[in-house]
């Protein structure tokens, strides 16, 4: 027996077998990049990451690309959940937010051109 439930979109009462009805499913569809990002978000929320990344930025106060004050620690090689690579300080780079955004936008565009890999 197939069990129907209301769409999870607030105010929508459409019955569906999925979390969202067809009308709202596309709106809530997660891209593989967002799933990957949220899958490893817990690593960035840890007290250890906050402490060690803050210490790294104190030791590397300027963006390694443009020389502005650094505000983020970037992983040179994407860790994809590999804890050893995540915590390897040789894989870290101090960046300002605009350089960090530019790197991630370039990576995202390259993935799209390569079929999402």
PDB file of N, CA and C in Angstrom:
ATOM      1  N   UNK A   1       0.829  -1.179   0.000  1.00  0.00           N
ATOM      2  CA  UNK A   1       0.000   0.000   0.000  1.00  0.00           C
ATOM      3  C   UNK A   1       0.878   1.249   0.000  1.00  0.00           C
ATOM      4  N   UNK A   2       0.603   2.159  -0.913  1.00  0.00           N
ATOM      5  CA  UNK A   2       1.362   3.400  -1.013  1.00  0.00           C
ATOM      6  C   UNK A   2       0.776   4.407  -0.042  1.00  0.00           C
ATOM      7  N   UNK A   3       1.642   4.988   0.743  1.00  0.00           N
ATOM      8  CA  UNK A   3       1.193   5.948   1.759  1.00  0.00           C
ATOM      9  C   UNK A   3       1.400   7.370   1.229  1.00  0.00           C
ATOM     10  N   UNK A   4       0.342   8.151   1.208  1.00  0.00           N
ATOM     11  CA  UNK A   4       0.411   9.535   0.760  1.00  0.00           C
ATOM     12  C   UNK A   4       0.523  10.460   1.966  1.00  0.00           C
ATOM     13  N   UNK A   5       1.238  11.556   1.759  1.00  0.00           N
ATOM     14  CA  UNK A   5       1.376  12.558   2.814  1.00  0.00           C
ATOM     15  C   UNK A   5       1.336  13.936   2.165  1.00  0.00           C
ATOM     16  N   UNK A   6       1.080  14.947   2.974  1.00  0.00           N
ATOM     17  CA  UNK A   6       1.046  16.307   2.445  1.00  0.00           C
ATOM     18  C   UNK A   6       2.452  16.775   2.097  1.00  0.00           C
ATOM     19  N   UNK A   7       2.537  17.574   1.055  1.00  0.00           N
ATOM     20  CA  UNK A   7       3.792  18.206   0.645  1.00  0.00           C
ATOM     21  C   UNK A   7       4.356  18.999   1.832  1.00  0.00           C
ATOM     22  N   UNK A   8       5.663  18.972   2.009  1.00  0.00           N
ATOM     23  CA  UNK A   8       6.314  19.664   3.127  1.00  0.00           C
ATOM     24  C   UNK A   8       6.421  21.173   2.916  1.00  0.00           C
ATOM     25  N   UNK A   9       6.087  21.658   1.719  1.00  0.00           N
ATOM     26  CA  UNK A   9       6.113  23.102   1.461  1.00  0.00           C
ATOM     27  C   UNK A   9       5.025  23.766   2.304  1.00  0.00           C
ATOM     28  N   UNK A  10       5.374  24.772   3.117  1.00  0.00           N
ATOM     29  CA  UNK A  10       4.363  25.434   3.948  1.00  0.00           C
ATOM     30  C   UNK A  10       3.194  25.947   3.110  1.00  0.00           C
ATOM     31  N   UNK A  11       1.984  25.617   3.542  1.00  0.00           N
ATOM     32  CA  UNK A  11       0.776  26.081   2.865  1.00  0.00           C
ATOM     33  C   UNK A  11       0.305  25.190   1.729  1.00  0.00           C
ATOM     34  N   UNK A  12       1.104  24.220   1.320  1.00  0.00           N
ATOM     35  CA  UNK A  12       0.710  23.313   0.243  1.00  0.00           C
ATOM     36  C   UNK A  12       0.092  22.061   0.862  1.00  0.00           C
ATOM     37  N   UNK A  13      -1.057  21.694   0.372  1.00  0.00           N
ATOM     38  CA  UNK A  13      -1.747  20.535   0.923  1.00  0.00           C
ATOM     39  C   UNK A  13      -1.833  19.398  -0.103  1.00  0.00           C
ATOM     40  N   UNK A  14      -1.030  19.491  -1.164  1.00  0.00           N
ATOM     41  CA  UNK A  14      -1.006  18.465  -2.199  1.00  0.00           C
ATOM     42  C   UNK A  14      -0.508  17.154  -1.593  1.00  0.00           C
ATOM     43  N   UNK A  15      -1.137  16.058  -1.939  1.00  0.00           N
ATOM     44  CA  UNK A  15      -0.709  14.751  -1.447  1.00  0.00           C
ATOM     45  C   UNK A  15       0.360  14.178  -2.364  1.00  0.00           C
ATOM     46  N   UNK A  16       1.360  13.551  -1.757  1.00  0.00           N
ATOM     47  CA  UNK A  16       2.493  13.013  -2.514  1.00  0.00           C
ATOM     48  C   UNK A  16       3.097  11.825  -1.785  1.00  0.00           C
ATOM     49  N   UNK A  17       3.866  11.035  -2.508  1.00  0.00           N
ATOM     50  CA  UNK A  17       4.595   9.931  -1.881  1.00  0.00           C
ATOM     51  C   UNK A  17       5.990  10.380  -1.473  1.00  0.00           C
ATOM     52  N   UNK A  18       6.426  11.519  -2.001  1.00  0.00           N
ATOM     53  CA  UNK A  18       7.746  12.073  -1.706  1.00  0.00           C
ATOM     54  C   UNK A  18       7.613  13.160  -0.639  1.00  0.00           C
ATOM     55  N   UNK A  19       8.731  13.792  -0.303  1.00  0.00           N
ATOM     56  CA  UNK A  19       8.680  14.870   0.686  1.00  0.00           C
ATOM     57  C   UNK A  19       7.921  16.078   0.141  1.00  0.00           C
ATOM     58  N   UNK A  20       8.162  16.407  -1.153  1.00  0.00           N
ATOM     59  CA  UNK A  20       7.513  17.553  -1.787  1.00  0.00           C
ATOM     60  C   UNK A  20       6.713  17.082  -2.999  1.00  0.00           C
ATOM     61  N   UNK A  21       5.638  17.794  -3.309  1.00  0.00           N
ATOM     62  CA  UNK A  21       4.850  17.497  -4.501  1.00  0.00           C
ATOM     63  C   UNK A  21       5.674  17.882  -5.732  1.00  0.00           C
ATOM     64  N   UNK A  22       5.191  17.504  -6.916  1.00  0.00           N
ATOM     65  CA  UNK A  22       5.930  17.808  -8.141  1.00  0.00           C
ATOM     66  C   UNK A  22       6.160  19.304  -8.314  1.00  0.00           C
ATOM     67  N   UNK A  23       5.185  20.101  -7.921  1.00  0.00           N
ATOM     68  CA  UNK A  23       5.276  21.560  -8.063  1.00  0.00           C
ATOM     69  C   UNK A  23       6.444  22.129  -7.245  1.00  0.00           C
ATOM     70  N   UNK A  24       6.704  21.579  -6.051  1.00  0.00           N
ATOM     71  CA  UNK A  24       7.720  22.138  -5.162  1.00  0.00           C
ATOM     72  C   UNK A  24       9.026  21.332  -5.119  1.00  0.00           C
ATOM     73  N   UNK A  25       9.038  20.163  -5.720  1.00  0.00           N
ATOM     74  CA  UNK A  25      10.226  19.306  -5.660  1.00  0.00           C
ATOM     75  C   UNK A  25      11.446  19.978  -6.279  1.00  0.00           C
ATOM     76  N   UNK A  26      11.264  20.624  -7.420  1.00  0.00           N
ATOM     77  CA  UNK A  26      12.397  21.257  -8.101  1.00  0.00           C
ATOM     78  C   UNK A  26      13.000  22.375  -7.255  1.00  0.00           C
ATOM     79  N   UNK A  27      12.119  23.127  -6.591  1.00  0.00           N
ATOM     80  CA  UNK A  27      12.572  24.229  -5.728  1.00  0.00           C
ATOM     81  C   UNK A  27      13.486  23.723  -4.615  1.00  0.00           C
ATOM     82  N   UNK A  28      13.193  22.534  -4.110  1.00  0.00           N
ATOM     83  CA  UNK A  28      13.931  22.001  -2.966  1.00  0.00           C
ATOM     84  C   UNK A  28      14.982  20.961  -3.338  1.00  0.00           C
ATOM     85  N   UNK A  29      15.141  20.714  -4.639  1.00  0.00           N
ATOM     86  CA  UNK A  29      16.125  19.724  -5.066  1.00  0.00           C
ATOM     87  C   UNK A  29      17.519  20.225  -4.726  1.00  0.00           C
ATOM     88  N   UNK A  30      18.287  19.364  -4.108  1.00  0.00           N
ATOM     89  CA  UNK A  30      19.646  19.735  -3.726  1.00  0.00           C
ATOM     90  C   UNK A  30      20.590  19.353  -4.845  1.00  0.00           C
ATOM     91  N   UNK A  31      21.498  20.252  -5.149  1.00  0.00           N
ATOM     92  CA  UNK A  31      22.513  19.911  -6.134  1.00  0.00           C
ATOM     93  C   UNK A  31      23.553  19.043  -5.452  1.00  0.00           C
ATOM     94  N   UNK A  32      24.288  18.293  -6.220  1.00  0.00           N
ATOM     95  CA  UNK A  32      25.308  17.424  -5.621  1.00  0.00           C
ATOM     96  C   UNK A  32      26.357  18.249  -4.885  1.00  0.00           C
ATOM     97  N   UNK A  33      26.642  19.446  -5.382  1.00  0.00           N
ATOM     98  CA  UNK A  33      27.622  20.300  -4.705  1.00  0.00           C
ATOM     99  C   UNK A  33      27.098  20.731  -3.339  1.00  0.00           C
ATOM    100  N   UNK A  34      25.823  21.133  -3.261  1.00  0.00           N
ATOM    101  CA  UNK A  34      25.247  21.522  -1.978  1.00  0.00           C
ATOM    102  C   UNK A  34      25.173  20.343  -1.033  1.00  0.00           C
ATOM    103  N   UNK A  35      24.859  19.159  -1.550  1.00  0.00           N
ATOM    104  CA  UNK A  35      24.817  17.971  -0.705  1.00  0.00           C
ATOM    105  C   UNK A  35      26.204  17.691  -0.145  1.00  0.00           C
ATOM    106  N   UNK A  36      27.225  17.818  -0.985  1.00  0.00           N
ATOM    107  CA  UNK A  36      28.597  17.589  -0.534  1.00  0.00           C
ATOM    108  C   UNK A  36      28.976  18.608   0.531  1.00  0.00           C
ATOM    109  N   UNK A  37      28.645  19.859   0.277  1.00  0.00           N
ATOM    110  CA  UNK A  37      28.992  20.912   1.217  1.00  0.00           C
ATOM    111  C   UNK A  37      28.320  20.666   2.569  1.00  0.00           C
ATOM    112  N   UNK A  38      27.025  20.360   2.561  1.00  0.00           N
ATOM    113  CA  UNK A  38      26.328  20.153   3.823  1.00  0.00           C
ATOM    114  C   UNK A  38      26.737  18.834   4.475  1.00  0.00           C
ATOM    115  N   UNK A  39      27.145  17.871   3.679  1.00  0.00           N
ATOM    116  CA  UNK A  39      27.567  16.575   4.196  1.00  0.00           C
ATOM    117  C   UNK A  39      28.799  16.729   5.097  1.00  0.00           C
ATOM    118  N   UNK A  40      29.662  17.680   4.773  1.00  0.00           N
ATOM    119  CA  UNK A  40      30.888  17.877   5.540  1.00  0.00           C
ATOM    120  C   UNK A  40      30.853  19.118   6.417  1.00  0.00           C
ATOM    121  N   UNK A  41      29.706  19.766   6.511  1.00  0.00           N
ATOM    122  CA  UNK A  41      29.605  21.009   7.281  1.00  0.00           C
ATOM    123  C   UNK A  41      29.972  20.802   8.744  1.00  0.00           C
ATOM    124  N   UNK A  42      29.664  19.628   9.289  1.00  0.00           N
ATOM    125  CA  UNK A  42      29.957  19.366  10.702  1.00  0.00           C
ATOM    126  C   UNK A  42      31.440  19.553  11.003  1.00  0.00           C
ATOM    127  N   UNK A  43      32.295  19.318  10.012  1.00  0.00           N
ATOM    128  CA  UNK A  43      33.734  19.472  10.233  1.00  0.00           C
ATOM    129  C   UNK A  43      34.081  20.935  10.511  1.00  0.00           C
ATOM    130  N   UNK A  44      33.392  21.840   9.834  1.00  0.00           N
ATOM    131  CA  UNK A  44      33.650  23.269   9.996  1.00  0.00           C
ATOM    132  C   UNK A  44      33.001  23.836  11.256  1.00  0.00           C
ATOM    133  N   UNK A  45      32.039  23.133  11.811  1.00  0.00           N
ATOM    134  CA  UNK A  45      31.369  23.604  13.028  1.00  0.00           C
ATOM    135  C   UNK A  45      32.082  23.184  14.299  1.00  0.00           C
ATOM    136  N   UNK A  46      33.084  22.338  14.189  1.00  0.00           N
ATOM    137  CA  UNK A  46      33.744  21.828  15.398  1.00  0.00           C
ATOM    138  C   UNK A  46      34.539  22.926  16.105  1.00  0.00           C
ATOM    139  N   UNK A  47      34.634  22.780  17.405  1.00  0.00           N
ATOM    140  CA  UNK A  47      35.426  23.728  18.200  1.00  0.00           C
ATOM    141  C   UNK A  47      36.887  23.683  17.757  1.00  0.00           C
ATOM    142  N   UNK A  48      37.350  22.489  17.432  1.00  0.00           N
ATOM    143  CA  UNK A  48      38.746  22.340  16.993  1.00  0.00           C
ATOM    144  C   UNK A  48      38.994  23.165  15.722  1.00  0.00           C
ATOM    145  N   UNK A  49      38.080  23.085  14.735  1.00  0.00           N
ATOM    146  CA  UNK A  49      38.262  23.851  13.497  1.00  0.00           C
ATOM    147  C   UNK A  49      38.262  25.346  13.800  1.00  0.00           C
ATOM    148  N   UNK A  50      37.339  25.790  14.628  1.00  0.00           N
ATOM    149  CA  UNK A  50      37.267  27.215  14.954  1.00  0.00           C
ATOM    150  C   UNK A  50      38.558  27.688  15.613  1.00  0.00           C
ATOM    151  N   UNK A  51      39.070  26.878  16.523  1.00  0.00           N
ATOM    152  CA  UNK A  51      40.296  27.233  17.237  1.00  0.00           C
ATOM    153  C   UNK A  51      41.503  27.218  16.284  1.00  0.00           C
ATOM    154  N   UNK A  52      41.677  26.116  15.551  1.00  0.00           N
ATOM    155  CA  UNK A  52      42.866  25.973  14.714  1.00  0.00           C
ATOM    156  C   UNK A  52      42.855  26.895  13.498  1.00  0.00           C
ATOM    157  N   UNK A  53      41.683  27.123  12.911  1.00  0.00           N
ATOM    158  CA  UNK A  53      41.636  28.031  11.766  1.00  0.00           C
ATOM    159  C   UNK A  53      41.889  29.479  12.219  1.00  0.00           C
ATOM    160  N   UNK A  54      41.385  29.837  13.402  1.00  0.00           N
ATOM    161  CA  UNK A  54      41.644  31.183  13.933  1.00  0.00           C
ATOM    162  C   UNK A  54      43.138  31.369  14.203  1.00  0.00           C
ATOM    163  N   UNK A  55      43.770  30.341  14.742  1.00  0.00           N
ATOM    164  CA  UNK A  55      45.206  30.402  15.003  1.00  0.00           C
ATOM    165  C   UNK A  55      45.981  30.516  13.691  1.00  0.00           C
ATOM    166  N   UNK A  56      45.554  29.762  12.684  1.00  0.00           N
ATOM    167  CA  UNK A  56      46.222  29.800  11.375  1.00  0.00           C
ATOM    168  C   UNK A  56      46.112  31.201  10.761  1.00  0.00           C
ATOM    169  N   UNK A  57      44.927  31.814  10.867  1.00  0.00           N
ATOM    170  CA  UNK A  57      44.746  33.162  10.327  1.00  0.00           C
ATOM    171  C   UNK A  57      45.569  34.194  11.094  1.00  0.00           C
ATOM    172  N   UNK A  58      45.745  33.976  12.391  1.00  0.00           N
ATOM    173  CA  UNK A  58      46.590  34.882  13.179  1.00  0.00           C
ATOM    174  C   UNK A  58      48.044  34.788  12.717  1.00  0.00           C
ATOM    175  N   UNK A  59      48.462  33.580  12.337  1.00  0.00           N
ATOM    176  CA  UNK A  59      49.826  33.364  11.849  1.00  0.00           C
ATOM    177  C   UNK A  59      49.999  33.780  10.388  1.00  0.00           C
ATOM    178  N   UNK A  60      48.893  33.836   9.644  1.00  0.00           N
ATOM    179  CA  UNK A  60      48.900  34.199   8.218  1.00  0.00           C
ATOM    180  C   UNK A  60      47.849  35.298   8.009  1.00  0.00           C
ATOM    181  N   UNK A  61      48.156  36.527   8.444  1.00  0.00           N
ATOM    182  CA  UNK A  61      47.139  37.580   8.469  1.00  0.00           C
ATOM    183  C   UNK A  61      46.761  38.163   7.102  1.00  0.00           C
ATOM    184  N   UNK A  62      47.505  37.786   6.048  1.00  0.00           N
ATOM    185  CA  UNK A  62      47.208  38.364   4.737  1.00  0.00           C
ATOM    186  C   UNK A  62      46.875  37.289   3.713  1.00  0.00           C
ATOM    187  N   UNK A  63      45.960  37.648   2.817  1.00  0.00           N
ATOM    188  CA  UNK A  63      45.531  36.751   1.749  1.00  0.00           C
ATOM    189  C   UNK A  63      46.745  36.348   0.920  1.00  0.00           C
ATOM    190  N   UNK A  64      46.886  35.055   0.694  1.00  0.00           N
ATOM    191  CA  UNK A  64      48.030  34.542  -0.050  1.00  0.00           C
ATOM    192  C   UNK A  64      47.937  34.806  -1.553  1.00  0.00           C
ATOM    193  N   UNK A  65      46.813  35.386  -1.989  1.00  0.00           N
ATOM    194  CA  UNK A  65      46.659  35.720  -3.408  1.00  0.00           C
ATOM    195  C   UNK A  65      46.815  37.219  -3.646  1.00  0.00           C
ATOM    196  N   UNK A  66      46.018  38.026  -2.917  1.00  0.00           N
ATOM    197  CA  UNK A  66      45.999  39.464  -3.214  1.00  0.00           C
ATOM    198  C   UNK A  66      46.659  40.345  -2.153  1.00  0.00           C
ATOM    199  N   UNK A  67      46.927  39.799  -0.974  1.00  0.00           N
ATOM    200  CA  UNK A  67      47.588  40.575   0.070  1.00  0.00           C
ATOM    201  C   UNK A  67      46.662  41.342   1.005  1.00  0.00           C
ATOM    202  N   UNK A  68      45.347  41.296   0.768  1.00  0.00           N
ATOM    203  CA  UNK A  68      44.404  41.928   1.694  1.00  0.00           C
ATOM    204  C   UNK A  68      44.376  41.119   2.992  1.00  0.00           C
ATOM    205  N   UNK A  69      43.777  41.668   4.045  1.00  0.00           N
ATOM    206  CA  UNK A  69      43.660  40.888   5.290  1.00  0.00           C
ATOM    207  C   UNK A  69      42.901  39.573   5.033  1.00  0.00           C
ATOM    208  N   UNK A  70      43.440  38.487   5.569  1.00  0.00           N
ATOM    209  CA  UNK A  70      42.803  37.184   5.374  1.00  0.00           C
ATOM    210  C   UNK A  70      41.638  37.026   6.340  1.00  0.00           C
ATOM    211  N   UNK A  71      40.628  36.262   5.910  1.00  0.00           N
ATOM    212  CA  UNK A  71      39.464  36.043   6.762  1.00  0.00           C
ATOM    213  C   UNK A  71      38.999  34.590   6.744  1.00  0.00           C
ATOM    214  N   UNK A  72      39.546  33.786   5.833  1.00  0.00           N
ATOM    215  CA  UNK A  72      39.115  32.399   5.696  1.00  0.00           C
ATOM    216  C   UNK A  72      40.299  31.469   5.467  1.00  0.00           C
ATOM    217  N   UNK A  73      40.156  30.258   5.961  1.00  0.00           N
ATOM    218  CA  UNK A  73      41.157  29.225   5.673  1.00  0.00           C
ATOM    219  C   UNK A  73      40.574  28.355   4.562  1.00  0.00           C
ATOM    220  N   UNK A  74      41.313  28.249   3.482  1.00  0.00           N
ATOM    221  CA  UNK A  74      40.892  27.491   2.303  1.00  0.00           C
ATOM    222  C   UNK A  74      41.661  26.184   2.229  1.00  0.00           C
ATOM    223  N   UNK A  75      40.986  25.117   1.801  1.00  0.00           N
ATOM    224  CA  UNK A  75      41.672  23.845   1.559  1.00  0.00           C
ATOM    225  C   UNK A  75      42.123  23.831   0.100  1.00  0.00           C
ATOM    226  N   UNK A  76      43.422  23.782  -0.130  1.00  0.00           N
ATOM    227  CA  UNK A  76      43.962  23.799  -1.484  1.00  0.00           C
ATOM    228  C   UNK A  76      43.444  22.615  -2.290  1.00  0.00           C
ATOM    229  N   UNK A  77      43.502  21.439  -1.694  1.00  0.00           N
ATOM    230  CA  UNK A  77      42.952  20.230  -2.298  1.00  0.00           C
ATOM    231  C   UNK A  77      41.656  19.934  -1.565  1.00  0.00           C
ATOM    232  N   UNK A  78      40.568  19.777  -2.299  1.00  0.00           N
ATOM    233  CA  UNK A  78      39.280  19.496  -1.663  1.00  0.00           C
ATOM    234  C   UNK A  78      39.375  18.217  -0.847  1.00  0.00           C
ATOM    235  N   UNK A  79      38.946  18.287   0.396  1.00  0.00           N
ATOM    236  CA  UNK A  79      39.083  17.132   1.293  1.00  0.00           C
ATOM    237  C   UNK A  79      37.985  16.101   1.102  1.00  0.00           C
ATOM    238  N   UNK A  80      36.799  16.512   0.681  1.00  0.00           N
ATOM    239  CA  UNK A  80      35.658  15.613   0.455  1.00  0.00           C
ATOM    240  C   UNK A  80      35.441  14.628   1.604  1.00  0.00           C
ATOM    241  N   UNK A  81      35.614  15.122   2.817  1.00  0.00           N
ATOM    242  CA  UNK A  81      35.368  14.314   4.009  1.00  0.00           C
ATOM    243  C   UNK A  81      36.574  13.567   4.540  1.00  0.00           C
ATOM    244  N   UNK A  82      37.690  13.621   3.840  1.00  0.00           N
ATOM    245  CA  UNK A  82      38.917  12.953   4.295  1.00  0.00           C
ATOM    246  C   UNK A  82      39.480  13.777   5.453  1.00  0.00           C
ATOM    247  N   UNK A  83      39.349  13.244   6.663  1.00  0.00           N
ATOM    248  CA  UNK A  83      39.757  14.011   7.854  1.00  0.00           C
ATOM    249  C   UNK A  83      41.250  14.308   7.872  1.00  0.00           C
ATOM    250  N   UNK A  84      42.060  13.380   7.376  1.00  0.00           N
ATOM    251  CA  UNK A  84      43.500  13.620   7.347  1.00  0.00           C
ATOM    252  C   UNK A  84      43.821  14.825   6.462  1.00  0.00           C
ATOM    253  N   UNK A  85      43.194  14.895   5.297  1.00  0.00           N
ATOM    254  CA  UNK A  85      43.402  16.017   4.389  1.00  0.00           C
ATOM    255  C   UNK A  85      42.776  17.294   4.943  1.00  0.00           C
ATOM    256  N   UNK A  86      41.649  17.171   5.611  1.00  0.00           N
ATOM    257  CA  UNK A  86      40.976  18.330   6.205  1.00  0.00           C
ATOM    258  C   UNK A  86      41.876  19.013   7.231  1.00  0.00           C
ATOM    259  N   UNK A  87      42.529  18.222   8.099  1.00  0.00           N
ATOM    260  CA  UNK A  87      43.337  18.791   9.181  1.00  0.00           C
ATOM    261  C   UNK A  87      44.794  19.044   8.795  1.00  0.00           C
ATOM    262  N   UNK A  88      45.207  18.674   7.605  1.00  0.00           N
ATOM    263  CA  UNK A  88      46.584  18.867   7.149  1.00  0.00           C
ATOM    264  C   UNK A  88      46.830  20.347   6.859  1.00  0.00           C
ATOM    265  N   UNK A  89      47.599  21.002   7.716  1.00  0.00           N
ATOM    266  CA  UNK A  89      47.839  22.441   7.567  1.00  0.00           C
ATOM    267  C   UNK A  89      48.646  22.777   6.318  1.00  0.00           C
ATOM    268  N   UNK A  90      49.322  21.790   5.739  1.00  0.00           N
ATOM    269  CA  UNK A  90      50.007  22.020   4.462  1.00  0.00           C
ATOM    270  C   UNK A  90      48.995  22.166   3.324  1.00  0.00           C
ATOM    271  N   UNK A  91      47.766  21.775   3.577  1.00  0.00           N
ATOM    272  CA  UNK A  91      46.687  21.886   2.600  1.00  0.00           C
ATOM    273  C   UNK A  91      45.862  23.156   2.831  1.00  0.00           C
ATOM    274  N   UNK A  92      46.244  23.976   3.773  1.00  0.00           N
ATOM    275  CA  UNK A  92      45.501  25.186   4.095  1.00  0.00           C
ATOM    276  C   UNK A  92      46.126  26.401   3.415  1.00  0.00           C
ATOM    277  N   UNK A  93      45.273  27.380   3.149  1.00  0.00           N
ATOM    278  CA  UNK A  93      45.729  28.620   2.536  1.00  0.00           C
ATOM    279  C   UNK A  93      44.885  29.752   3.120  1.00  0.00           C
ATOM    280  N   UNK A  94      45.515  30.811   3.578  1.00  0.00           N
ATOM    281  CA  UNK A  94      44.802  31.969   4.126  1.00  0.00           C
ATOM    282  C   UNK A  94      44.346  32.858   2.975  1.00  0.00           C
ATOM    283  N   UNK A  95      43.046  33.142   2.930  1.00  0.00           N
ATOM    284  CA  UNK A  95      42.500  33.951   1.845  1.00  0.00           C
ATOM    285  C   UNK A  95      41.533  35.003   2.381  1.00  0.00           C
ATOM    286  N   UNK A  96      41.355  36.070   1.604  1.00  0.00           N
ATOM    287  CA  UNK A  96      40.287  37.028   1.882  1.00  0.00           C
ATOM    288  C   UNK A  96      39.004  36.422   1.309  1.00  0.00           C
ATOM    289  N   UNK A  97      37.869  36.944   1.688  1.00  0.00           N
ATOM    290  CA  UNK A  97      36.606  36.339   1.240  1.00  0.00           C
ATOM    291  C   UNK A  97      36.413  36.445  -0.269  1.00  0.00           C
ATOM    292  N   UNK A  98      36.867  37.532  -0.905  1.00  0.00           N
ATOM    293  CA  UNK A  98      36.651  37.655  -2.356  1.00  0.00           C
ATOM    294  C   UNK A  98      37.512  36.661  -3.135  1.00  0.00           C
ATOM    295  N   UNK A  99      38.746  36.432  -2.729  1.00  0.00           N
ATOM    296  CA  UNK A  99      39.586  35.436  -3.411  1.00  0.00           C
ATOM    297  C   UNK A  99      39.041  34.031  -3.172  1.00  0.00           C
ATOM    298  N   UNK A 100      38.566  33.760  -1.950  1.00  0.00           N
ATOM    299  CA  UNK A 100      37.987  32.459  -1.641  1.00  0.00           C
ATOM    300  C   UNK A 100      36.752  32.202  -2.504  1.00  0.00           C
ATOM    301  N   UNK A 101      35.891  33.199  -2.634  1.00  0.00           N
ATOM    302  CA  UNK A 101      34.694  33.060  -3.461  1.00  0.00           C
ATOM    303  C   UNK A 101      35.058  32.829  -4.924  1.00  0.00           C
ATOM    304  N   UNK A 102      36.062  33.544  -5.399  1.00  0.00           N
ATOM    305  CA  UNK A 102      36.490  33.401  -6.796  1.00  0.00           C
ATOM    306  C   UNK A 102      36.997  31.981  -7.061  1.00  0.00           C
ATOM    307  N   UNK A 103      37.774  31.425  -6.138  1.00  0.00           N
ATOM    308  CA  UNK A 103      38.289  30.060  -6.298  1.00  0.00           C
ATOM    309  C   UNK A 103      37.132  29.063  -6.349  1.00  0.00           C
ATOM    310  N   UNK A 104      36.176  29.206  -5.437  1.00  0.00           N
ATOM    311  CA  UNK A 104      35.061  28.260  -5.404  1.00  0.00           C
ATOM    312  C   UNK A 104      34.142  28.418  -6.613  1.00  0.00           C
ATOM    313  N   UNK A 105      33.990  29.630  -7.107  1.00  0.00           N
ATOM    314  CA  UNK A 105      33.177  29.836  -8.301  1.00  0.00           C
ATOM    315  C   UNK A 105      33.859  29.179  -9.504  1.00  0.00           C
ATOM    316  N   UNK A 106      35.171  29.313  -9.586  1.00  0.00           N
ATOM    317  CA  UNK A 106      35.924  28.676 -10.673  1.00  0.00           C
ATOM    318  C   UNK A 106      35.789  27.162 -10.598  1.00  0.00           C
ATOM    319  N   UNK A 107      35.922  26.602  -9.387  1.00  0.00           N
ATOM    320  CA  UNK A 107      35.775  25.149  -9.212  1.00  0.00           C
ATOM    321  C   UNK A 107      34.394  24.676  -9.616  1.00  0.00           C
ATOM    322  N   UNK A 108      33.373  25.432  -9.212  1.00  0.00           N
ATOM    323  CA  UNK A 108      31.992  25.076  -9.539  1.00  0.00           C
ATOM    324  C   UNK A 108      31.783  25.089 -11.051  1.00  0.00           C
ATOM    325  N   UNK A 109      32.280  26.125 -11.709  1.00  0.00           N
ATOM    326  CA  UNK A 109      32.142  26.213 -13.165  1.00  0.00           C
ATOM    327  C   UNK A 109      32.894  25.086 -13.867  1.00  0.00           C
ATOM    328  N   UNK A 110      34.069  24.726 -13.361  1.00  0.00           N
ATOM    329  CA  UNK A 110      34.822  23.621 -13.951  1.00  0.00           C
ATOM    330  C   UNK A 110      34.065  22.310 -13.799  1.00  0.00           C
ATOM    331  N   UNK A 111      33.449  22.097 -12.630  1.00  0.00           N
ATOM    332  CA  UNK A 111      32.657  20.879 -12.411  1.00  0.00           C
ATOM    333  C   UNK A 111      31.504  20.802 -13.400  1.00  0.00           C
ATOM    334  N   UNK A 112      30.828  21.929 -13.607  1.00  0.00           N
ATOM    335  CA  UNK A 112      29.685  21.955 -14.532  1.00  0.00           C
ATOM    336  C   UNK A 112      30.156  21.612 -15.945  1.00  0.00           C
ATOM    337  N   UNK A 113      31.303  22.133 -16.341  1.00  0.00           N
ATOM    338  CA  UNK A 113      31.836  21.852 -17.680  1.00  0.00           C
ATOM    339  C   UNK A 113      32.265  20.392 -17.818  1.00  0.00           C
ATOM    340  N   UNK A 114      32.656  19.786 -16.704  1.00  0.00           N
ATOM    341  CA  UNK A 114      33.101  18.392 -16.736  1.00  0.00           C
ATOM    342  C   UNK A 114      31.981  17.415 -16.384  1.00  0.00           C
ATOM    343  N   UNK A 115      30.771  17.874 -16.444  1.00  0.00           N
ATOM    344  CA  UNK A 115      29.638  16.998 -16.173  1.00  0.00           C
ATOM    345  C   UNK A 115      29.337  16.783 -14.703  1.00  0.00           C
ATOM    346  N   UNK A 116      29.741  17.724 -13.841  1.00  0.00           N
ATOM    347  CA  UNK A 116      29.410  17.653 -12.431  1.00  0.00           C
ATOM    348  C   UNK A 116      30.356  16.846 -11.572  1.00  0.00           C
ATOM    349  N   UNK A 117      31.498  16.464 -12.084  1.00  0.00           N
ATOM    350  CA  UNK A 117      32.439  15.647 -11.305  1.00  0.00           C
ATOM    351  C   UNK A 117      33.409  16.491 -10.550  1.00  0.00           C
TER     352      UNK A 117
END
